[in-house]
Amino acid sequence: MKLFGVVTGCMLLAIPGMARAQDGGGKAAVQQAVEQFLQHLGDGDFDRVAADLAPKATVVVVRQRDGRWTNSYQTGDEWLGALRKSTTFARFREPITNVAVTIDSDALAYLRADFEVVRDGKALSQGVDQFTLVREDGRWKVAAVAYTSMPK
């Protein structure tokens, strides 16, 4: 009986460590999915962007221009359609920092991060990205993107 208590106690101590290890890997996978989405977007690889989006994804932009805030709301399809039609698209990078990830039931995730849009080595805008992701067909897909955008 004493051995059972020792083994049970050791197992209970090991479980939180196992949960942390699994959780850390999950958070890294969520961040990687978002960073790949941003790379595909910045490269103008819109077919890959489409594959990164969940069906019926939404995009919300809160933008500051001339000291005024405006909001726009689009479905992922509308947003992607506008990008595909753009004649002024230029490649960019959008590195993220101060990343915070929350995962619920290994099926729903939320990522919040600061960002800068960088083109030709120059930061053009900055803001906060907020992504909601869902696990679909074994991978993380972007269900909602909401971000603030302010000129640099």
Protein backbone atom coordinates (compact mmCIF):
# COMPACT_ATOMS: atom_id res chain seq x y z
CA MET A 1 0.00 0.00 0.00
CA LYS A 2 2.90 2.33 0.75
CA LEU A 3 4.37 1.71 -2.71
CA PHE A 4 0.98 2.54 -4.29
CA GLY A 5 0.96 5.90 -2.49
CA VAL A 6 4.51 6.72 -3.66
CA VAL A 7 3.75 5.75 -7.27
CA THR A 8 0.46 7.68 -7.24
CA GLY A 9 2.19 10.75 -5.76
CA CYS A 10 4.93 10.60 -8.40
CA MET A 11 2.33 10.29 -11.16
CA LEU A 12 0.41 13.31 -9.85
CA LEU A 13 3.61 15.33 -9.77
CA ALA A 14 4.49 14.27 -13.32
CA ILE A 15 1.10 15.09 -14.86
CA PRO A 16 1.35 18.91 -14.57
CA GLY A 17 4.79 18.77 -16.22
CA MET A 18 3.41 16.66 -19.04
CA ALA A 19 0.53 19.08 -19.52
CA ARG A 20 2.92 22.03 -19.69
CA ALA A 21 5.10 20.27 -22.27
CA GLN A 22 2.09 19.47 -24.46
CA ASP A 23 0.68 22.97 -24.00
CA GLY A 24 3.98 24.61 -24.98
CA GLY A 25 4.11 22.58 -28.19
CA GLY A 26 0.52 23.49 -28.97
CA LYS A 27 1.19 27.20 -28.51
CA ALA A 28 4.21 26.97 -30.80
CA ALA A 29 2.08 25.28 -33.47
CA VAL A 30 -0.53 28.04 -33.25
CA GLN A 31 2.14 30.74 -33.57
CA GLN A 32 3.71 28.88 -36.49
CA ALA A 33 0.33 28.69 -38.26
CA VAL A 34 -0.15 32.46 -37.85
CA GLU A 35 3.40 33.24 -38.99
CA GLN A 36 2.94 31.04 -42.08
CA PHE A 37 -0.35 32.81 -42.84
CA LEU A 38 1.43 36.18 -42.57
CA GLN A 39 4.29 34.96 -44.79
CA HIS A 40 1.86 33.68 -47.44
CA LEU A 41 0.01 37.00 -47.27
CA GLY A 42 3.20 39.07 -47.50
CA ASP A 43 4.41 37.00 -50.46
CA GLY A 44 1.12 37.53 -52.27
CA ASP A 45 0.60 33.75 -52.38
CA PHE A 46 -3.18 34.06 -52.21
CA ASP A 47 -3.88 30.39 -52.93
CA ARG A 48 -1.97 29.49 -49.76
CA VAL A 49 -3.70 32.30 -47.87
CA ALA A 50 -7.04 30.79 -48.93
CA ALA A 51 -5.88 27.37 -47.69
CA ASP A 52 -4.90 28.95 -44.35
CA LEU A 53 -8.40 30.32 -43.81
CA ALA A 54 -11.28 28.37 -42.29
CA PRO A 55 -14.56 28.37 -44.21
CA LYS A 56 -16.55 31.57 -43.58
CA ALA A 57 -13.57 33.28 -41.93
CA THR A 58 -13.96 36.96 -41.03
CA VAL A 59 -11.58 39.91 -41.23
CA VAL A 60 -12.03 43.06 -39.14
CA VAL A 61 -9.73 46.04 -39.60
CA VAL A 62 -9.65 49.00 -37.22
CA ARG A 63 -7.52 51.57 -39.00
CA GLN A 64 -6.25 54.99 -37.96
CA ARG A 65 -5.77 57.54 -40.73
CA ASP A 66 -5.45 61.27 -40.32
CA GLY A 67 -6.15 60.90 -36.60
CA ARG A 68 -9.50 59.18 -37.26
CA TRP A 69 -10.44 55.57 -36.61
CA THR A 70 -12.47 53.58 -39.14
CA ASN A 71 -13.69 49.99 -39.07
CA SER A 72 -14.14 47.54 -41.92
CA TYR A 73 -15.74 44.11 -41.85
CA GLN A 74 -15.39 41.44 -44.54
CA THR A 75 -15.72 37.74 -44.99
CA GLY A 76 -12.46 35.98 -45.72
CA ASP A 77 -13.65 35.44 -49.30
CA GLU A 78 -14.43 39.15 -49.79
CA TRP A 79 -11.09 40.17 -48.30
CA LEU A 80 -9.15 37.67 -50.38
CA GLY A 81 -11.06 38.66 -53.52
CA ALA A 82 -10.07 42.30 -53.02
CA LEU A 83 -6.43 41.29 -52.53
CA ARG A 84 -6.46 39.20 -55.71
CA LYS A 85 -7.88 42.14 -57.71
CA SER A 86 -5.39 44.66 -56.35
CA THR A 87 -3.11 46.19 -58.96
CA THR A 88 -0.92 47.88 -56.33
CA PHE A 89 0.01 44.88 -54.16
CA ALA A 90 3.64 44.94 -53.04
CA ARG A 91 5.36 42.22 -51.04
CA PHE A 92 5.84 42.89 -47.35
CA ARG A 93 6.75 41.25 -44.06
CA GLU A 94 4.75 41.41 -40.87
CA PRO A 95 6.87 40.21 -37.96
CA ILE A 96 4.97 39.70 -34.71
CA THR A 97 6.21 40.30 -31.17
CA ASN A 98 4.82 40.13 -27.63
CA VAL A 99 2.88 37.01 -28.63
CA ALA A 100 0.26 35.58 -26.28
CA VAL A 101 -1.51 32.31 -27.15
CA THR A 102 -4.45 30.63 -25.46
CA ILE A 103 -5.66 27.16 -26.46
CA ASP A 104 -8.97 25.61 -25.42
CA SER A 105 -9.50 21.86 -25.68
CA ASP A 106 -6.82 21.60 -28.39
CA ALA A 107 -9.51 22.74 -30.83
CA LEU A 108 -9.83 26.53 -30.48
CA ALA A 109 -6.93 28.97 -30.15
CA TYR A 110 -6.44 32.69 -29.80
CA LEU A 111 -3.25 34.60 -30.62
CA ARG A 112 -2.63 38.26 -29.83
CA ALA A 113 0.56 40.00 -30.93
CA ASP A 114 2.04 43.36 -31.77
CA PHE A 115 3.15 43.79 -35.40
CA GLU A 116 4.82 46.07 -37.89
CA VAL A 117 4.30 45.96 -41.64
CA VAL A 118 7.73 46.24 -43.25
CA ARG A 119 8.34 46.85 -46.96
CA ASP A 120 11.81 47.29 -48.45
CA GLY A 121 13.27 47.46 -44.94
CA LYS A 122 11.01 50.32 -43.87
CA ALA A 123 8.25 50.01 -41.26
CA LEU A 124 5.04 51.44 -42.75
CA SER A 125 2.44 50.67 -40.10
CA GLN A 126 2.04 49.01 -36.74
CA GLY A 127 -0.69 47.65 -34.57
CA VAL A 128 -2.10 44.64 -32.81
CA ASP A 129 -3.09 41.38 -34.50
CA GLN A 130 -5.75 39.18 -32.95
CA PHE A 131 -6.33 35.77 -34.50
CA THR A 132 -8.88 33.11 -33.65
CA LEU A 133 -7.92 29.70 -35.00
CA VAL A 134 -9.75 26.40 -35.15
CA ARG A 135 -8.31 22.94 -35.54
CA GLU A 136 -9.63 21.50 -38.77
CA ASP A 137 -8.46 18.38 -40.57
CA GLY A 138 -5.53 18.12 -38.14
CA ARG A 139 -4.18 21.65 -38.65
CA TRP A 140 -4.81 25.15 -37.33
CA LYS A 141 -6.86 27.38 -39.62
CA VAL A 142 -7.60 31.08 -39.24
CA ALA A 143 -11.29 31.61 -38.44
CA ALA A 144 -11.08 35.32 -37.60
CA VAL A 145 -8.53 38.06 -38.00
CA ALA A 146 -9.00 41.40 -36.28
CA TYR A 147 -6.30 44.02 -36.16
CA THR A 148 -5.58 47.64 -35.50
CA SER A 149 -3.45 49.50 -38.01
CA MET A 150 -1.73 52.80 -37.37
CA PRO A 151 0.77 54.58 -39.60
CA LYS A 152 4.34 54.37 -38.37
